[in-house]
C-alpha atoms as a PDB file:
ATOM      1  CA  MET A   1     -30.298  11.129   4.204  1.00  0.00           C
ATOM      2  CA  THR A   2     -28.148   7.822   4.078  1.00  0.00           C
ATOM      3  CA  LEU A   3     -24.631   8.044   4.824  1.00  0.00           C
ATOM      4  CA  PRO A   4     -22.656   4.808   2.751  1.00  0.00           C
ATOM      5  CA  VAL A   5     -21.895   1.733   4.546  1.00  0.00           C
ATOM      6  CA  GLU A   6     -17.782   1.683   4.964  1.00  0.00           C
ATOM      7  CA  PRO A   7     -16.168  -1.978   4.057  1.00  0.00           C
ATOM      8  CA  SER A   8     -15.842  -3.893   6.572  1.00  0.00           C
ATOM      9  CA  PHE A   9     -12.081  -5.939   6.941  1.00  0.00           C
ATOM     10  CA  PRO A  10     -11.172  -8.836   9.005  1.00  0.00           C
ATOM     11  CA  VAL A  11      -8.887  -6.259  11.116  1.00  0.00           C
ATOM     12  CA  SER A  12     -10.874  -3.226  12.257  1.00  0.00           C
ATOM     13  CA  HIS A  13     -10.058  -0.904  14.622  1.00  0.00           C
ATOM     14  CA  THR A  14     -11.482   2.938  15.996  1.00  0.00           C
ATOM     15  CA  GLU A  15     -10.013   6.017  14.335  1.00  0.00           C
ATOM     16  CA  ALA A  16      -8.456   6.671  18.200  1.00  0.00           C
ATOM     17  CA  GLU A  17      -6.364   3.138  18.211  1.00  0.00           C
ATOM     18  CA  TRP A  18      -5.628   3.843  14.571  1.00  0.00           C
ATOM     19  CA  ARG A  19      -4.249   7.219  16.265  1.00  0.00           C
ATOM     20  CA  GLU A  20      -2.458   4.938  18.385  1.00  0.00           C
ATOM     21  CA  ILE A  21      -1.217   2.282  16.455  1.00  0.00           C
ATOM     22  CA  LEU A  22       0.272   3.958  13.600  1.00  0.00           C
ATOM     23  CA  SER A  23       2.154   6.476  13.794  1.00  0.00           C
ATOM     24  CA  PRO A  24       1.704  10.012  12.225  1.00  0.00           C
ATOM     25  CA  GLU A  25       3.229   9.575   8.876  1.00  0.00           C
ATOM     26  CA  GLN A  26       1.157   5.815   8.553  1.00  0.00           C
ATOM     27  CA  TYR A  27      -1.949   6.787  10.116  1.00  0.00           C
ATOM     28  CA  GLU A  28      -1.785   9.981   7.327  1.00  0.00           C
ATOM     29  CA  VAL A  29      -1.157   7.970   4.517  1.00  0.00           C
ATOM     30  CA  LEU A  30      -3.238   4.310   5.376  1.00  0.00           C
ATOM     31  CA  ARG A  31      -6.215   6.017   7.331  1.00  0.00           C
ATOM     32  CA  GLY A  32      -6.325   9.077   5.776  1.00  0.00           C
ATOM     33  CA  HIS A  33      -5.548   8.064   1.977  1.00  0.00           C
ATOM     34  CA  GLY A  34      -2.725  10.483   2.028  1.00  0.00           C
ATOM     35  CA  THR A  35       0.281  10.484  -0.134  1.00  0.00           C
ATOM     36  CA  GLU A  36       4.646  10.478   1.088  1.00  0.00           C
ATOM     37  CA  ARG A  37       6.983  12.545  -0.595  1.00  0.00           C
ATOM     38  CA  PRO A  38       8.830  10.514  -3.327  1.00  0.00           C
ATOM     39  CA  GLY A  39      12.346   9.024  -2.397  1.00  0.00           C
ATOM     40  CA  SER A  40      10.793   9.913   1.411  1.00  0.00           C
ATOM     41  CA  CYS A  41      10.761   6.388   2.401  1.00  0.00           C
ATOM     42  CA  ALA A  42      13.885   3.599   2.792  1.00  0.00           C
ATOM     43  CA  LEU A  43      12.376   1.207   1.089  1.00  0.00           C
ATOM     44  CA  ASN A  44      12.031   2.668  -1.211  1.00  0.00           C
ATOM     45  CA  GLN A  45      16.175   1.438  -1.971  1.00  0.00           C
ATOM     46  CA  GLU A  46      15.909  -1.979  -0.442  1.00  0.00           C
ATOM     47  CA  LYS A  47      16.785  -4.386  -2.472  1.00  0.00           C
ATOM     48  CA  ARG A  48      17.324  -7.633  -0.375  1.00  0.00           C
ATOM     49  CA  ALA A  49      15.497 -10.717  -0.738  1.00  0.00           C
ATOM     50  CA  GLY A  50      12.225 -10.679   2.224  1.00  0.00           C
ATOM     51  CA  ARG A  51       9.009  -9.726   1.930  1.00  0.00           C
ATOM     52  CA  PHE A  52       6.964  -6.448   3.089  1.00  0.00           C
ATOM     53  CA  SER A  53       3.989  -6.611   4.465  1.00  0.00           C
ATOM     54  CA  CYS A  54       1.391  -3.667   5.705  1.00  0.00           C
ATOM     55  CA  ALA A  55       2.718  -1.580   8.288  1.00  0.00           C
ATOM     56  CA  GLY A  56      -0.925  -1.454  10.046  1.00  0.00           C
ATOM     57  CA  CYS A  57      -1.947  -4.880  10.583  1.00  0.00           C
ATOM     58  CA  GLY A  58       0.700  -7.277   9.551  1.00  0.00           C
ATOM     59  CA  GLN A  59      -0.212  -8.883   6.669  1.00  0.00           C
ATOM     60  CA  ASP A  60       2.376  -9.887   3.701  1.00  0.00           C
ATOM     61  CA  LEU A  61       1.656  -8.078   0.919  1.00  0.00           C
ATOM     62  CA  PHE A  62       4.883  -8.115  -1.751  1.00  0.00           C
ATOM     63  CA  VAL A  63       7.637 -10.448  -2.400  1.00  0.00           C
ATOM     64  CA  ALA A  64      11.194  -8.819  -2.970  1.00  0.00           C
ATOM     65  CA  VAL A  65      11.121 -10.582  -6.424  1.00  0.00           C
ATOM     66  CA  THR A  66       8.032  -8.836  -7.356  1.00  0.00           C
ATOM     67  CA  LYS A  67       9.629  -5.188  -6.328  1.00  0.00           C
ATOM     68  CA  PHE A  68      11.654  -2.918  -9.150  1.00  0.00           C
ATOM     69  CA  GLU A  69      12.518   0.250 -10.041  1.00  0.00           C
ATOM     70  CA  SER A  70      10.426   2.584 -11.271  1.00  0.00           C
ATOM     71  CA  GLY A  71      11.975   5.958 -11.084  1.00  0.00           C
ATOM     72  CA  THR A  72       8.802   7.096  -9.341  1.00  0.00           C
ATOM     73  CA  GLY A  73      10.327   7.461  -5.976  1.00  0.00           C
ATOM     74  CA  TRP A  74       8.082   5.029  -5.294  1.00  0.00           C
ATOM     75  CA  PRO A  75       8.353   1.422  -3.806  1.00  0.00           C
ATOM     76  CA  SER A  76       7.057  -0.633  -7.208  1.00  0.00           C
ATOM     77  CA  PHE A  77       6.103  -4.000  -7.759  1.00  0.00           C
ATOM     78  CA  ASN A  78       4.383  -5.597 -10.527  1.00  0.00           C
ATOM     79  CA  ASP A  79       2.518  -8.457  -8.235  1.00  0.00           C
ATOM     80  CA  PRO A  80       1.755  -8.700  -4.433  1.00  0.00           C
ATOM     81  CA  VAL A  81       1.216 -11.860  -2.280  1.00  0.00           C
ATOM     82  CA  PRO A  82      -2.282 -13.455  -4.197  1.00  0.00           C
ATOM     83  CA  GLY A  83      -5.459 -12.150  -2.003  1.00  0.00           C
ATOM     84  CA  ALA A  84      -4.135  -9.620  -0.052  1.00  0.00           C
ATOM     85  CA  VAL A  85      -4.058  -6.775  -2.262  1.00  0.00           C
ATOM     86  CA  ALA A  86      -7.718  -4.826  -2.699  1.00  0.00           C
ATOM     87  CA  THR A  87      -8.306  -2.585  -5.031  1.00  0.00           C
ATOM     88  CA  SER A  88     -11.217   0.539  -6.120  1.00  0.00           C
ATOM     89  CA  VAL A  89     -11.868   3.295  -7.977  1.00  0.00           C
ATOM     90  CA  ASP A  90     -10.095   6.434  -6.606  1.00  0.00           C
ATOM     91  CA  ARG A  91     -11.795   9.863  -9.098  1.00  0.00           C
ATOM     92  CA  LYS A  92      -9.931  12.209  -6.213  1.00  0.00           C
ATOM     93  CA  TYR A  93      -8.344  15.648  -8.016  1.00  0.00           C
ATOM     94  CA  GLY A  94     -10.088  15.595 -10.913  1.00  0.00           C
ATOM     95  CA  MET A  95      -8.285  11.609 -11.764  1.00  0.00           C
ATOM     96  CA  ILE A  96      -9.963   8.271 -12.793  1.00  0.00           C
ATOM     97  CA  ARG A  97      -7.140   5.934 -10.344  1.00  0.00           C
ATOM     98  CA  ILE A  98      -7.613   2.568  -9.092  1.00  0.00           C
ATOM     99  CA  GLU A  99      -6.073   2.570  -5.483  1.00  0.00           C
ATOM    100  CA  ALA A 100      -4.521  -0.519  -3.784  1.00  0.00           C
ATOM    101  CA  HIS A 101      -5.587  -1.104  -0.713  1.00  0.00           C
ATOM    102  CA  CYS A 102      -5.468  -3.927   2.352  1.00  0.00           C
ATOM    103  CA  SER A 103      -7.324  -6.324   2.028  1.00  0.00           C
ATOM    104  CA  ARG A 104      -6.963  -7.677   5.582  1.00  0.00           C
ATOM    105  CA  CYS A 105      -7.661  -4.006   6.899  1.00  0.00           C
ATOM    106  CA  GLY A 106      -7.855  -0.704   4.154  1.00  0.00           C
ATOM    107  CA  GLY A 107      -5.442   0.496   5.057  1.00  0.00           C
ATOM    108  CA  HIS A 108      -4.983   2.178   1.929  1.00  0.00           C
ATOM    109  CA  LEU A 109      -1.622   1.732   0.318  1.00  0.00           C
ATOM    110  CA  GLY A 110      -1.144   3.885  -3.256  1.00  0.00           C
ATOM    111  CA  HIS A 111      -2.420   3.015  -6.862  1.00  0.00           C
ATOM    112  CA  VAL A 112      -1.773   0.555  -9.803  1.00  0.00           C
ATOM    113  CA  PHE A 113      -1.026   1.332 -13.076  1.00  0.00           C
ATOM    114  CA  GLU A 114      -0.953  -0.154 -16.263  1.00  0.00           C
ATOM    115  CA  ASP A 115       2.917   0.192 -17.249  1.00  0.00           C
ATOM    116  CA  GLY A 116       5.135  -2.013 -14.893  1.00  0.00           C
ATOM    117  CA  PRO A 117       7.055  -4.839 -16.534  1.00  0.00           C
ATOM    118  CA  ALA A 118       6.133  -8.094 -17.570  1.00  0.00           C
ATOM    119  CA  PRO A 119       4.648 -11.079 -16.186  1.00  0.00           C
ATOM    120  CA  THR A 120       2.328  -8.198 -15.025  1.00  0.00           C
ATOM    121  CA  GLY A 121       2.501  -5.192 -17.216  1.00  0.00           C
ATOM    122  CA  LEU A 122       0.980  -3.689 -13.434  1.00  0.00           C
ATOM    123  CA  ARG A 123       3.259  -0.861 -11.179  1.00  0.00           C
ATOM    124  CA  TYR A 124       1.940  -1.311  -7.764  1.00  0.00           C
ATOM    125  CA  CYS A 125       3.570   2.488  -6.881  1.00  0.00           C
ATOM    126  CA  ILE A 126       2.783   2.126  -3.167  1.00  0.00           C
ATOM    127  CA  ASN A 127       3.934   4.763  -0.342  1.00  0.00           C
ATOM    128  CA  GLY A 128       6.514   2.599   1.682  1.00  0.00           C
ATOM    129  CA  VAL A 129       5.536   4.449   4.804  1.00  0.00           C
ATOM    130  CA  ALA A 130       2.493   2.306   4.589  1.00  0.00           C
ATOM    131  CA  LEU A 131       5.067  -1.198   4.319  1.00  0.00           C
ATOM    132  CA  ASN A 132       7.062  -3.187   6.728  1.00  0.00           C
ATOM    133  CA  PHE A 133       9.829  -5.313   5.483  1.00  0.00           C
ATOM    134  CA  THR A 134      11.136  -8.300   6.864  1.00  0.00           C
ATOM    135  CA  PRO A 135      14.261  -9.609   5.435  1.00  0.00           C
ATOM    136  CA  GLU A 136      14.323 -13.602   4.563  1.00  0.00           C
ATOM    137  CA  GLY A 137      16.261 -16.116   6.564  1.00  0.00           C
END
């Protein structure tokens, strides 16, 4: 029997190292593909200028001007930093969705939907616990 090969990423750690680096909630989302409760993260209300980075590896993922209020309970963005967010097909729970993950460490961020605002028409629905925010200035 051949096991699927895990993709490699520029930043990688053993599962034990990830558990040391991340909080239990971050580990569940970023490494376990979990989902935080809607409305549970303060970053959902964040409106200052700045950037949102991966809580797993620090890579910048989104800038604040691409964040918008989607009413879903999760931070939503319509355009990532070029090359920072990769996607894959997620077939869990009897659905076909597009998963968003960090291109640098592979951490699960959330999902991408085609109901966002112009100019992209996309909504990157991101778990706030997967992000760190750095205000501008």
